Amino acid sequence: MHTVTLQKETSDNTFSGLRKLILYNSNHLWEDVINQLGKATGFDILRCEQIALFAHTKGKAVVKSGTADELGTINNVLREIDLITEIE
């Protein structure tokens, strides 16, 4: 007889160790958001504009997925200008 062990991944991705950095819509100048996204992530301007546009129209956008440490560094830079973010 064989025993099968199943592991269930939780909704917060603790099994894989990956998290998501979320940017919420806020009252910042468009250029400031784009520039800060570029500074924080190293993404090109087009990618930063896509993230900002999605946050603006949908209320929030995933900036990046990664480890808590990696996202924490990016998050700190985004919060330098008081952008509203969350790591989930």
C-alpha atoms as a PDB file:
ATOM      1  CA  MET A   1       0.000   0.000   0.000  1.00  0.00           C
ATOM      2  CA  HIS A   2       1.269   3.487  -0.961  1.00  0.00           C
ATOM      3  CA  THR A   3       0.787   6.630   1.065  1.00  0.00           C
ATOM      4  CA  VAL A   4       0.374   9.925  -0.742  1.00  0.00           C
ATOM      5  CA  THR A   5       1.038  13.181   1.061  1.00  0.00           C
ATOM      6  CA  LEU A   6      -0.526  16.304  -0.373  1.00  0.00           C
ATOM      7  CA  GLN A   7       0.606  19.812   0.428  1.00  0.00           C
ATOM      8  CA  LYS A   8      -1.873  22.608  -0.026  1.00  0.00           C
ATOM      9  CA  GLU A   9      -0.628  26.035  -1.028  1.00  0.00           C
ATOM     10  CA  THR A  10      -2.298  28.740   1.002  1.00  0.00           C
ATOM     11  CA  SER A  11      -3.775  31.864  -0.521  1.00  0.00           C
ATOM     12  CA  ASP A  12      -0.941  34.004   0.832  1.00  0.00           C
ATOM     13  CA  ASN A  13       1.657  31.888  -0.987  1.00  0.00           C
ATOM     14  CA  THR A  14       3.485  30.870   2.199  1.00  0.00           C
ATOM     15  CA  PHE A  15       4.233  27.468   0.681  1.00  0.00           C
ATOM     16  CA  SER A  16       6.212  28.971  -2.182  1.00  0.00           C
ATOM     17  CA  GLY A  17       7.608  31.907  -0.195  1.00  0.00           C
ATOM     18  CA  LEU A  18       6.405  34.381  -2.818  1.00  0.00           C
ATOM     19  CA  ARG A  19       4.525  37.555  -2.003  1.00  0.00           C
ATOM     20  CA  LYS A  20       2.991  40.336  -4.089  1.00  0.00           C
ATOM     21  CA  LEU A  21       3.722  44.038  -3.722  1.00  0.00           C
ATOM     22  CA  ILE A  22       0.507  45.959  -4.338  1.00  0.00           C
ATOM     23  CA  LEU A  23       0.313  49.648  -5.286  1.00  0.00           C
ATOM     24  CA  TYR A  24      -2.985  51.382  -4.527  1.00  0.00           C
ATOM     25  CA  ASN A  25      -4.428  54.388  -6.320  1.00  0.00           C
ATOM     26  CA  SER A  26      -3.657  57.655  -4.521  1.00  0.00           C
ATOM     27  CA  ASN A  27      -3.558  61.403  -5.078  1.00  0.00           C
ATOM     28  CA  HIS A  28      -0.018  61.751  -6.385  1.00  0.00           C
ATOM     29  CA  LEU A  29       1.208  63.418  -9.551  1.00  0.00           C
ATOM     30  CA  TRP A  30       1.435  60.957 -12.441  1.00  0.00           C
ATOM     31  CA  GLU A  31       5.094  61.784 -13.102  1.00  0.00           C
ATOM     32  CA  ASP A  32       6.013  61.308  -9.436  1.00  0.00           C
ATOM     33  CA  VAL A  33       4.471  57.818  -9.380  1.00  0.00           C
ATOM     34  CA  ILE A  34       6.203  56.811 -12.629  1.00  0.00           C
ATOM     35  CA  ASN A  35       9.565  58.127 -11.466  1.00  0.00           C
ATOM     36  CA  GLN A  36       9.318  56.442  -8.061  1.00  0.00           C
ATOM     37  CA  LEU A  37       8.286  53.124  -9.604  1.00  0.00           C
ATOM     38  CA  GLY A  38      11.325  53.298 -11.879  1.00  0.00           C
ATOM     39  CA  LYS A  39      13.612  54.211  -8.995  1.00  0.00           C
ATOM     40  CA  ALA A  40      12.253  51.396  -6.819  1.00  0.00           C
ATOM     41  CA  THR A  41      12.120  48.608  -9.392  1.00  0.00           C
ATOM     42  CA  GLY A  42      14.490  49.478 -12.223  1.00  0.00           C
ATOM     43  CA  PHE A  43      11.624  48.877 -14.676  1.00  0.00           C
ATOM     44  CA  ASP A  44      11.545  50.885 -17.891  1.00  0.00           C
ATOM     45  CA  ILE A  45       9.138  53.810 -18.184  1.00  0.00           C
ATOM     46  CA  LEU A  46       6.588  51.842 -20.213  1.00  0.00           C
ATOM     47  CA  ARG A  47       6.270  49.157 -17.538  1.00  0.00           C
ATOM     48  CA  CYS A  48       5.996  51.803 -14.816  1.00  0.00           C
ATOM     49  CA  GLU A  49       3.254  53.573 -16.761  1.00  0.00           C
ATOM     50  CA  GLN A  50       1.363  50.290 -17.148  1.00  0.00           C
ATOM     51  CA  ILE A  51       1.490  49.637 -13.401  1.00  0.00           C
ATOM     52  CA  ALA A  52       0.402  53.191 -12.593  1.00  0.00           C
ATOM     53  CA  LEU A  53      -2.426  53.110 -15.127  1.00  0.00           C
ATOM     54  CA  PHE A  54      -3.730  49.819 -13.789  1.00  0.00           C
ATOM     55  CA  ALA A  55      -3.618  51.152 -10.199  1.00  0.00           C
ATOM     56  CA  HIS A  56      -5.399  54.314 -11.311  1.00  0.00           C
ATOM     57  CA  THR A  57      -8.190  52.566 -13.231  1.00  0.00           C
ATOM     58  CA  LYS A  58      -8.662  49.434 -11.096  1.00  0.00           C
ATOM     59  CA  GLY A  59      -7.748  50.837  -7.693  1.00  0.00           C
ATOM     60  CA  LYS A  60      -4.672  48.661  -7.247  1.00  0.00           C
ATOM     61  CA  ALA A  61      -1.932  46.934  -9.225  1.00  0.00           C
ATOM     62  CA  VAL A  62       0.678  44.274  -8.618  1.00  0.00           C
ATOM     63  CA  VAL A  63       4.073  45.937  -8.853  1.00  0.00           C
ATOM     64  CA  LYS A  64       6.090  42.751  -8.507  1.00  0.00           C
ATOM     65  CA  SER A  65       6.074  39.259  -7.031  1.00  0.00           C
ATOM     66  CA  GLY A  66       9.028  38.017  -5.028  1.00  0.00           C
ATOM     67  CA  THR A  67      10.378  37.256  -1.595  1.00  0.00           C
ATOM     68  CA  ALA A  68       9.424  39.382   1.389  1.00  0.00           C
ATOM     69  CA  ASP A  69      12.975  40.768   1.613  1.00  0.00           C
ATOM     70  CA  GLU A  70      13.122  41.731  -2.055  1.00  0.00           C
ATOM     71  CA  LEU A  71       9.696  43.371  -1.964  1.00  0.00           C
ATOM     72  CA  GLY A  72      10.446  45.121   1.312  1.00  0.00           C
ATOM     73  CA  THR A  73      13.319  46.991  -0.305  1.00  0.00           C
ATOM     74  CA  ILE A  74      11.130  48.098  -3.228  1.00  0.00           C
ATOM     75  CA  ASN A  75       8.301  48.969  -0.852  1.00  0.00           C
ATOM     76  CA  ASN A  76      10.560  51.236   1.217  1.00  0.00           C
ATOM     77  CA  VAL A  77      11.483  53.246  -1.873  1.00  0.00           C
ATOM     78  CA  LEU A  78       7.850  53.579  -2.956  1.00  0.00           C
ATOM     79  CA  ARG A  79       6.892  54.807   0.500  1.00  0.00           C
ATOM     80  CA  GLU A  80       9.552  57.531   0.389  1.00  0.00           C
ATOM     81  CA  ILE A  81       6.910  59.677  -1.347  1.00  0.00           C
ATOM     82  CA  ASP A  82       4.040  58.211   0.696  1.00  0.00           C
ATOM     83  CA  LEU A  83       2.642  55.918  -1.984  1.00  0.00           C
ATOM     84  CA  ILE A  84       0.094  53.505  -0.577  1.00  0.00           C
ATOM     85  CA  THR A  85       1.404  49.949  -0.799  1.00  0.00           C
ATOM     86  CA  GLU A  86       0.979  46.544   0.758  1.00  0.00           C
ATOM     87  CA  ILE A  87       2.860  43.271   0.658  1.00  0.00           C
ATOM     88  CA  GLU A  88       0.486  40.318   0.613  1.00  0.00           C
END
